[in-house]
């Protein structure tokens, strides 16, 4: 029987594929995915700050903070080199034309992010089911917009709908690989959780929140706060399950 972490990793991976399919098969859903970006931003930031960071420091008091910063800096470097053209969110890039090489570079960068999504889920379940579930919820909420955005980049690169769909599948595969890596070598959790916490902080603060702030008015901010509230509610209920 598959472990809970692997099953949830597969479910998160399917959300990537679903996001890609939405762009390939459906139209007019972009604005609804924006709400998932805002909701996921709030839940992810709360999870990273209130759970992943303290747990990382607890399991590795001296090295934990360094690894958190390393994860953050690694994603920052990645998005300014390999991933130089990228906006995380429910967009179609329909007013832009990118070269095919740019599409594949964005895929490489997002695959690294997806890999650490899986590492985060696996690491959480190594430490406790409560932490594992919280991390899963945080990651799941931004998976569909992630797959949607990756597919949109591939379409804007002129690579077609088939390539757009398979790019979402690649992200899904990277997520599963991250979960399996921690399941096969649980001792890596002292490295995997802090680095993935840093990655989560970067994705939340530098990718997702700016997408929320691009929307005028207070509606998206309220959805962000709803994500934070959802995290607090889940954290209060999970010990009783």
C-alpha atoms as a PDB file:
ATOM      1  CA  UNK A   1       0.000   0.000   0.000  1.00  0.00           C
ATOM      2  CA  UNK A   2       1.362   3.427  -0.950  1.00  0.00           C
ATOM      3  CA  UNK A   3       2.271   5.774   1.882  1.00  0.00           C
ATOM      4  CA  UNK A   4       0.160   8.865   2.499  1.00  0.00           C
ATOM      5  CA  UNK A   5       2.966  11.186   1.401  1.00  0.00           C
ATOM      6  CA  UNK A   6       3.326   9.426  -1.965  1.00  0.00           C
ATOM      7  CA  UNK A   7      -0.435   9.413  -2.572  1.00  0.00           C
ATOM      8  CA  UNK A   8      -0.665  13.117  -1.779  1.00  0.00           C
ATOM      9  CA  UNK A   9       2.394  13.812  -3.913  1.00  0.00           C
ATOM     10  CA  UNK A  10       0.604  12.122  -6.800  1.00  0.00           C
ATOM     11  CA  UNK A  11      -2.505  14.195  -6.109  1.00  0.00           C
ATOM     12  CA  UNK A  12      -0.469  17.409  -6.121  1.00  0.00           C
ATOM     13  CA  UNK A  13       1.142  16.275  -9.373  1.00  0.00           C
ATOM     14  CA  UNK A  14      -2.283  15.694 -10.919  1.00  0.00           C
ATOM     15  CA  UNK A  15      -3.172  19.294 -10.056  1.00  0.00           C
ATOM     16  CA  UNK A  16      -0.247  20.428 -12.236  1.00  0.00           C
ATOM     17  CA  UNK A  17      -1.602  18.354 -15.115  1.00  0.00           C
ATOM     18  CA  UNK A  18      -5.131  19.639 -14.502  1.00  0.00           C
ATOM     19  CA  UNK A  19      -3.856  23.212 -14.743  1.00  0.00           C
ATOM     20  CA  UNK A  20      -2.230  22.435 -18.075  1.00  0.00           C
ATOM     21  CA  UNK A  21      -5.390  20.776 -19.363  1.00  0.00           C
ATOM     22  CA  UNK A  22      -7.476  23.781 -18.367  1.00  0.00           C
ATOM     23  CA  UNK A  23      -5.448  25.993 -20.691  1.00  0.00           C
ATOM     24  CA  UNK A  24      -5.324  23.453 -23.500  1.00  0.00           C
ATOM     25  CA  UNK A  25      -9.021  22.509 -23.404  1.00  0.00           C
ATOM     26  CA  UNK A  26     -10.915  25.336 -21.709  1.00  0.00           C
ATOM     27  CA  UNK A  27     -11.258  29.056 -22.224  1.00  0.00           C
ATOM     28  CA  UNK A  28     -12.209  31.972 -19.995  1.00  0.00           C
ATOM     29  CA  UNK A  29     -11.089  30.429 -16.694  1.00  0.00           C
ATOM     30  CA  UNK A  30      -8.058  32.650 -16.106  1.00  0.00           C
ATOM     31  CA  UNK A  31      -9.779  34.954 -13.644  1.00  0.00           C
ATOM     32  CA  UNK A  32     -10.924  32.014 -11.515  1.00  0.00           C
ATOM     33  CA  UNK A  33      -7.376  30.671 -11.300  1.00  0.00           C
ATOM     34  CA  UNK A  34      -6.245  34.055 -10.025  1.00  0.00           C
ATOM     35  CA  UNK A  35      -8.260  33.397  -6.888  1.00  0.00           C
ATOM     36  CA  UNK A  36      -6.336  30.149  -6.391  1.00  0.00           C
ATOM     37  CA  UNK A  37      -3.100  32.123  -6.700  1.00  0.00           C
ATOM     38  CA  UNK A  38      -4.226  34.515  -3.951  1.00  0.00           C
ATOM     39  CA  UNK A  39      -5.603  31.746  -1.733  1.00  0.00           C
ATOM     40  CA  UNK A  40      -2.488  29.636  -2.232  1.00  0.00           C
ATOM     41  CA  UNK A  41      -0.239  32.616  -1.530  1.00  0.00           C
ATOM     42  CA  UNK A  42      -1.820  33.176   1.883  1.00  0.00           C
ATOM     43  CA  UNK A  43      -1.774  29.503   2.843  1.00  0.00           C
ATOM     44  CA  UNK A  44       1.795  28.968   1.580  1.00  0.00           C
ATOM     45  CA  UNK A  45       3.212  32.035   3.331  1.00  0.00           C
ATOM     46  CA  UNK A  46       1.566  31.055   6.611  1.00  0.00           C
ATOM     47  CA  UNK A  47       2.809  27.468   6.305  1.00  0.00           C
ATOM     48  CA  UNK A  48       6.348  28.526   5.449  1.00  0.00           C
ATOM     49  CA  UNK A  49       6.625  31.141   8.217  1.00  0.00           C
ATOM     50  CA  UNK A  50       4.675  29.456  11.029  1.00  0.00           C
ATOM     51  CA  UNK A  51       5.440  25.764  10.451  1.00  0.00           C
ATOM     52  CA  UNK A  52       8.231  24.977   7.997  1.00  0.00           C
ATOM     53  CA  UNK A  53      10.714  27.563   9.274  1.00  0.00           C
ATOM     54  CA  UNK A  54      10.344  26.739  13.018  1.00  0.00           C
ATOM     55  CA  UNK A  55      10.493  22.987  12.319  1.00  0.00           C
ATOM     56  CA  UNK A  56      13.591  23.452  10.176  1.00  0.00           C
ATOM     57  CA  UNK A  57      15.344  25.314  12.975  1.00  0.00           C
ATOM     58  CA  UNK A  58      14.197  22.711  15.502  1.00  0.00           C
ATOM     59  CA  UNK A  59      15.702  19.773  13.602  1.00  0.00           C
ATOM     60  CA  UNK A  60      18.878  21.683  12.721  1.00  0.00           C
ATOM     61  CA  UNK A  61      19.403  24.680  15.047  1.00  0.00           C
ATOM     62  CA  UNK A  62      22.746  25.763  13.577  1.00  0.00           C
ATOM     63  CA  UNK A  63      22.452  24.785   9.919  1.00  0.00           C
ATOM     64  CA  UNK A  64      18.678  25.214   9.495  1.00  0.00           C
ATOM     65  CA  UNK A  65      18.609  29.017   9.088  1.00  0.00           C
ATOM     66  CA  UNK A  66      21.545  28.857   6.668  1.00  0.00           C
ATOM     67  CA  UNK A  67      19.778  26.229   4.532  1.00  0.00           C
ATOM     68  CA  UNK A  68      16.536  28.233   4.540  1.00  0.00           C
ATOM     69  CA  UNK A  69      18.425  31.239   3.210  1.00  0.00           C
ATOM     70  CA  UNK A  70      20.226  29.008   0.711  1.00  0.00           C
ATOM     71  CA  UNK A  71      16.914  27.721  -0.642  1.00  0.00           C
ATOM     72  CA  UNK A  72      15.599  31.257  -0.972  1.00  0.00           C
ATOM     73  CA  UNK A  73      18.751  32.490  -2.727  1.00  0.00           C
ATOM     74  CA  UNK A  74      18.853  29.480  -5.049  1.00  0.00           C
ATOM     75  CA  UNK A  75      15.334  30.223  -6.321  1.00  0.00           C
ATOM     76  CA  UNK A  76      16.170  33.924  -6.635  1.00  0.00           C
ATOM     77  CA  UNK A  77      19.229  33.082  -8.746  1.00  0.00           C
ATOM     78  CA  UNK A  78      17.259  30.596 -10.821  1.00  0.00           C
ATOM     79  CA  UNK A  79      14.545  33.092 -11.691  1.00  0.00           C
ATOM     80  CA  UNK A  80      17.078  35.688 -12.757  1.00  0.00           C
ATOM     81  CA  UNK A  81      19.149  33.370 -14.940  1.00  0.00           C
ATOM     82  CA  UNK A  82      17.488  30.241 -16.374  1.00  0.00           C
ATOM     83  CA  UNK A  83      13.988  31.499 -15.620  1.00  0.00           C
ATOM     84  CA  UNK A  84      14.566  35.122 -16.621  1.00  0.00           C
ATOM     85  CA  UNK A  85      11.141  35.533 -18.249  1.00  0.00           C
ATOM     86  CA  UNK A  86       8.487  34.303 -15.910  1.00  0.00           C
ATOM     87  CA  UNK A  87       5.423  35.606 -14.120  1.00  0.00           C
ATOM     88  CA  UNK A  88       3.801  33.168 -11.756  1.00  0.00           C
ATOM     89  CA  UNK A  89       0.063  33.376 -12.055  1.00  0.00           C
ATOM     90  CA  UNK A  90      -2.982  32.703 -14.151  1.00  0.00           C
ATOM     91  CA  UNK A  91      -1.860  34.416 -17.310  1.00  0.00           C
ATOM     92  CA  UNK A  92      -1.761  33.360 -20.952  1.00  0.00           C
ATOM     93  CA  UNK A  93       1.135  35.471 -22.282  1.00  0.00           C
ATOM     94  CA  UNK A  94      -1.160  36.031 -25.258  1.00  0.00           C
ATOM     95  CA  UNK A  95       0.296  39.484 -25.930  1.00  0.00           C
ATOM     96  CA  UNK A  96       3.848  38.159 -25.959  1.00  0.00           C
ATOM     97  CA  UNK A  97       5.895  35.966 -28.247  1.00  0.00           C
ATOM     98  CA  UNK A  98       8.726  33.980 -26.721  1.00  0.00           C
ATOM     99  CA  UNK A  99      11.346  31.826 -28.381  1.00  0.00           C
ATOM    100  CA  UNK A 100      11.084  28.069 -27.932  1.00  0.00           C
ATOM    101  CA  UNK A 101      14.340  28.094 -25.977  1.00  0.00           C
ATOM    102  CA  UNK A 102      12.765  30.439 -23.436  1.00  0.00           C
ATOM    103  CA  UNK A 103       9.841  28.084 -22.996  1.00  0.00           C
ATOM    104  CA  UNK A 104      12.171  25.198 -22.181  1.00  0.00           C
ATOM    105  CA  UNK A 105      14.236  27.358 -19.807  1.00  0.00           C
ATOM    106  CA  UNK A 106      11.093  28.280 -17.879  1.00  0.00           C
ATOM    107  CA  UNK A 107      10.187  24.597 -17.779  1.00  0.00           C
ATOM    108  CA  UNK A 108      13.611  23.786 -16.298  1.00  0.00           C
ATOM    109  CA  UNK A 109      13.232  26.464 -13.641  1.00  0.00           C
ATOM    110  CA  UNK A 110       9.703  25.475 -12.686  1.00  0.00           C
ATOM    111  CA  UNK A 111      10.697  21.813 -12.594  1.00  0.00           C
ATOM    112  CA  UNK A 112      13.259  22.657  -9.901  1.00  0.00           C
ATOM    113  CA  UNK A 113      10.514  24.424  -7.969  1.00  0.00           C
ATOM    114  CA  UNK A 114       8.185  21.439  -8.417  1.00  0.00           C
ATOM    115  CA  UNK A 115      10.920  19.084  -7.229  1.00  0.00           C
ATOM    116  CA  UNK A 116      11.142  20.974  -3.943  1.00  0.00           C
ATOM    117  CA  UNK A 117       7.361  20.959  -3.668  1.00  0.00           C
ATOM    118  CA  UNK A 118       7.663  17.180  -3.518  1.00  0.00           C
ATOM    119  CA  UNK A 119      10.606  17.346  -1.126  1.00  0.00           C
ATOM    120  CA  UNK A 120       8.550  19.579   1.174  1.00  0.00           C
ATOM    121  CA  UNK A 121       5.611  17.162   1.225  1.00  0.00           C
ATOM    122  CA  UNK A 122       7.855  14.158   1.856  1.00  0.00           C
ATOM    123  CA  UNK A 123       9.830  15.971   4.567  1.00  0.00           C
ATOM    124  CA  UNK A 124       6.666  17.061   6.336  1.00  0.00           C
ATOM    125  CA  UNK A 125       5.369  13.507   6.594  1.00  0.00           C
ATOM    126  CA  UNK A 126       8.719  12.223   7.843  1.00  0.00           C
ATOM    127  CA  UNK A 127       8.380  14.550  10.838  1.00  0.00           C
ATOM    128  CA  UNK A 128       4.629  14.309  11.455  1.00  0.00           C
ATOM    129  CA  UNK A 129       1.362  13.730   9.629  1.00  0.00           C
ATOM    130  CA  UNK A 130       0.129  17.105  10.875  1.00  0.00           C
ATOM    131  CA  UNK A 131       3.031  18.963   9.239  1.00  0.00           C
ATOM    132  CA  UNK A 132       2.785  16.826   6.118  1.00  0.00           C
ATOM    133  CA  UNK A 133      -0.897  17.639   5.618  1.00  0.00           C
ATOM    134  CA  UNK A 134      -0.355  21.365   6.156  1.00  0.00           C
ATOM    135  CA  UNK A 135       2.450  21.444   3.585  1.00  0.00           C
ATOM    136  CA  UNK A 136       0.376  19.393   1.157  1.00  0.00           C
ATOM    137  CA  UNK A 137      -2.562  21.822   1.372  1.00  0.00           C
ATOM    138  CA  UNK A 138      -0.215  24.787   0.850  1.00  0.00           C
ATOM    139  CA  UNK A 139       1.362  23.232  -2.235  1.00  0.00           C
ATOM    140  CA  UNK A 140      -1.841  21.818  -3.698  1.00  0.00           C
ATOM    141  CA  UNK A 141      -3.493  25.247  -3.793  1.00  0.00           C
ATOM    142  CA  UNK A 142      -0.895  26.708  -6.152  1.00  0.00           C
ATOM    143  CA  UNK A 143      -0.370  23.620  -8.305  1.00  0.00           C
ATOM    144  CA  UNK A 144      -3.187  24.224 -10.810  1.00  0.00           C
ATOM    145  CA  UNK A 145      -2.099  27.840 -11.504  1.00  0.00           C
ATOM    146  CA  UNK A 146       1.467  26.548 -11.838  1.00  0.00           C
ATOM    147  CA  UNK A 147       0.510  24.007 -14.517  1.00  0.00           C
ATOM    148  CA  UNK A 148      -1.695  26.599 -16.237  1.00  0.00           C
ATOM    149  CA  UNK A 149       1.103  29.162 -16.339  1.00  0.00           C
ATOM    150  CA  UNK A 150       3.669  26.660 -17.603  1.00  0.00           C
ATOM    151  CA  UNK A 151       1.348  25.653 -20.413  1.00  0.00           C
ATOM    152  CA  UNK A 152       0.751  29.323 -21.272  1.00  0.00           C
ATOM    153  CA  UNK A 153       4.487  29.943 -21.568  1.00  0.00           C
ATOM    154  CA  UNK A 154       4.886  26.975 -23.906  1.00  0.00           C
ATOM    155  CA  UNK A 155       2.044  28.234 -26.107  1.00  0.00           C
ATOM    156  CA  UNK A 156       3.554  31.719 -26.205  1.00  0.00           C
ATOM    157  CA  UNK A 157       6.840  30.101 -27.242  1.00  0.00           C
ATOM    158  CA  UNK A 158       5.134  28.675 -30.319  1.00  0.00           C
ATOM    159  CA  UNK A 159       5.486  25.062 -29.186  1.00  0.00           C
ATOM    160  CA  UNK A 160       1.818  24.097 -29.517  1.00  0.00           C
ATOM    161  CA  UNK A 161      -0.815  22.546 -27.288  1.00  0.00           C
ATOM    162  CA  UNK A 162       0.772  19.094 -27.106  1.00  0.00           C
ATOM    163  CA  UNK A 163       4.031  20.566 -25.801  1.00  0.00           C
ATOM    164  CA  UNK A 164       2.009  22.738 -23.398  1.00  0.00           C
ATOM    165  CA  UNK A 165       0.273  19.681 -21.955  1.00  0.00           C
ATOM    166  CA  UNK A 166       3.469  17.652 -21.629  1.00  0.00           C
ATOM    167  CA  UNK A 167       5.230  20.540 -19.912  1.00  0.00           C
ATOM    168  CA  UNK A 168       2.611  20.277 -17.144  1.00  0.00           C
ATOM    169  CA  UNK A 169       3.250  16.523 -17.000  1.00  0.00           C
ATOM    170  CA  UNK A 170       6.980  17.202 -16.518  1.00  0.00           C
ATOM    171  CA  UNK A 171       6.177  19.419 -13.529  1.00  0.00           C
ATOM    172  CA  UNK A 172       3.993  16.661 -12.124  1.00  0.00           C
ATOM    173  CA  UNK A 173       6.807  14.135 -12.533  1.00  0.00           C
ATOM    174  CA  UNK A 174       9.293  16.430 -10.771  1.00  0.00           C
ATOM    175  CA  UNK A 175       6.923  16.722  -7.804  1.00  0.00           C
ATOM    176  CA  UNK A 176       6.639  12.944  -7.475  1.00  0.00           C
ATOM    177  CA  UNK A 177      10.420  12.549  -7.728  1.00  0.00           C
ATOM    178  CA  UNK A 178      10.832  15.003  -4.831  1.00  0.00           C
ATOM    179  CA  UNK A 179       8.456  13.018  -2.615  1.00  0.00           C
ATOM    180  CA  UNK A 180      10.112   9.706  -3.500  1.00  0.00           C
ATOM    181  CA  UNK A 181      13.587  11.078  -2.793  1.00  0.00           C
ATOM    182  CA  UNK A 182      12.677  11.808   0.830  1.00  0.00           C
ATOM    183  CA  UNK A 183      10.723   8.572   1.198  1.00  0.00           C
ATOM    184  CA  UNK A 184      13.727   6.556   0.025  1.00  0.00           C
ATOM    185  CA  UNK A 185      16.248   8.510   2.121  1.00  0.00           C
ATOM    186  CA  UNK A 186      14.394   9.913   5.170  1.00  0.00           C
ATOM    187  CA  UNK A 187      17.657  11.167   6.701  1.00  0.00           C
ATOM    188  CA  UNK A 188      17.679  13.878   4.048  1.00  0.00           C
ATOM    189  CA  UNK A 189      14.842  15.619   5.889  1.00  0.00           C
ATOM    190  CA  UNK A 190      17.325  17.746   7.875  1.00  0.00           C
ATOM    191  CA  UNK A 191      18.471  19.148   4.532  1.00  0.00           C
ATOM    192  CA  UNK A 192      15.267  18.872   2.518  1.00  0.00           C
ATOM    193  CA  UNK A 193      12.874  20.668   4.862  1.00  0.00           C
ATOM    194  CA  UNK A 194      14.991  23.819   5.432  1.00  0.00           C
ATOM    195  CA  UNK A 195      15.871  24.194   1.744  1.00  0.00           C
ATOM    196  CA  UNK A 196      12.270  23.627   0.678  1.00  0.00           C
ATOM    197  CA  UNK A 197      11.174  26.138   3.355  1.00  0.00           C
ATOM    198  CA  UNK A 198      13.430  28.721   1.732  1.00  0.00           C
ATOM    199  CA  UNK A 199      12.015  27.843  -1.686  1.00  0.00           C
ATOM    200  CA  UNK A 200       8.465  28.148  -0.318  1.00  0.00           C
ATOM    201  CA  UNK A 201       9.251  31.553   1.170  1.00  0.00           C
ATOM    202  CA  UNK A 202      10.600  32.762  -2.155  1.00  0.00           C
ATOM    203  CA  UNK A 203       7.693  31.393  -4.185  1.00  0.00           C
ATOM    204  CA  UNK A 204       5.174  32.862  -1.748  1.00  0.00           C
ATOM    205  CA  UNK A 205       6.744  36.268  -1.160  1.00  0.00           C
ATOM    206  CA  UNK A 206       8.435  36.922  -4.507  1.00  0.00           C
ATOM    207  CA  UNK A 207       6.205  35.102  -7.007  1.00  0.00           C
ATOM    208  CA  UNK A 208       2.696  34.659  -5.643  1.00  0.00           C
ATOM    209  CA  UNK A 209       2.208  37.812  -3.562  1.00  0.00           C
ATOM    210  CA  UNK A 210       3.307  40.141  -6.407  1.00  0.00           C
ATOM    211  CA  UNK A 211       0.705  38.445  -8.616  1.00  0.00           C
ATOM    212  CA  UNK A 212      -1.916  39.171  -5.953  1.00  0.00           C
ATOM    213  CA  UNK A 213      -0.749  42.790  -5.736  1.00  0.00           C
ATOM    214  CA  UNK A 214      -1.155  43.269  -9.497  1.00  0.00           C
ATOM    215  CA  UNK A 215      -4.935  43.122  -9.062  1.00  0.00           C
ATOM    216  CA  UNK A 216      -6.569  46.456  -8.152  1.00  0.00           C
ATOM    217  CA  UNK A 217      -8.955  46.707  -5.243  1.00  0.00           C
ATOM    218  CA  UNK A 218      -9.227  44.786  -2.012  1.00  0.00           C
ATOM    219  CA  UNK A 219     -10.827  41.567  -3.294  1.00  0.00           C
ATOM    220  CA  UNK A 220      -7.587  39.665  -3.934  1.00  0.00           C
ATOM    221  CA  UNK A 221      -6.136  40.841  -0.620  1.00  0.00           C
ATOM    222  CA  UNK A 222      -9.157  39.407   1.157  1.00  0.00           C
ATOM    223  CA  UNK A 223      -8.674  36.085  -0.638  1.00  0.00           C
ATOM    224  CA  UNK A 224      -5.024  36.119   0.502  1.00  0.00           C
ATOM    225  CA  UNK A 225      -6.172  36.666   4.098  1.00  0.00           C
ATOM    226  CA  UNK A 226      -8.653  33.842   3.605  1.00  0.00           C
ATOM    227  CA  UNK A 227      -5.715  31.602   2.735  1.00  0.00           C
ATOM    228  CA  UNK A 228      -3.952  32.584   5.961  1.00  0.00           C
ATOM    229  CA  UNK A 229      -7.170  31.976   7.894  1.00  0.00           C
ATOM    230  CA  UNK A 230      -7.573  28.596   6.199  1.00  0.00           C
ATOM    231  CA  UNK A 231      -4.110  27.624   7.371  1.00  0.00           C
ATOM    232  CA  UNK A 232      -4.852  28.655  10.961  1.00  0.00           C
ATOM    233  CA  UNK A 233      -8.100  26.708  10.886  1.00  0.00           C
ATOM    234  CA  UNK A 234      -6.412  23.571   9.509  1.00  0.00           C
ATOM    235  CA  UNK A 235      -3.619  23.849  12.069  1.00  0.00           C
ATOM    236  CA  UNK A 236      -6.120  24.054  14.911  1.00  0.00           C
ATOM    237  CA  UNK A 237      -8.179  21.101  13.655  1.00  0.00           C
ATOM    238  CA  UNK A 238      -5.465  18.680  12.556  1.00  0.00           C
ATOM    239  CA  UNK A 239      -4.280  17.688  16.055  1.00  0.00           C
ATOM    240  CA  UNK A 240      -7.817  16.453  16.765  1.00  0.00           C
ATOM    241  CA  UNK A 241      -8.050  14.260  13.645  1.00  0.00           C
END
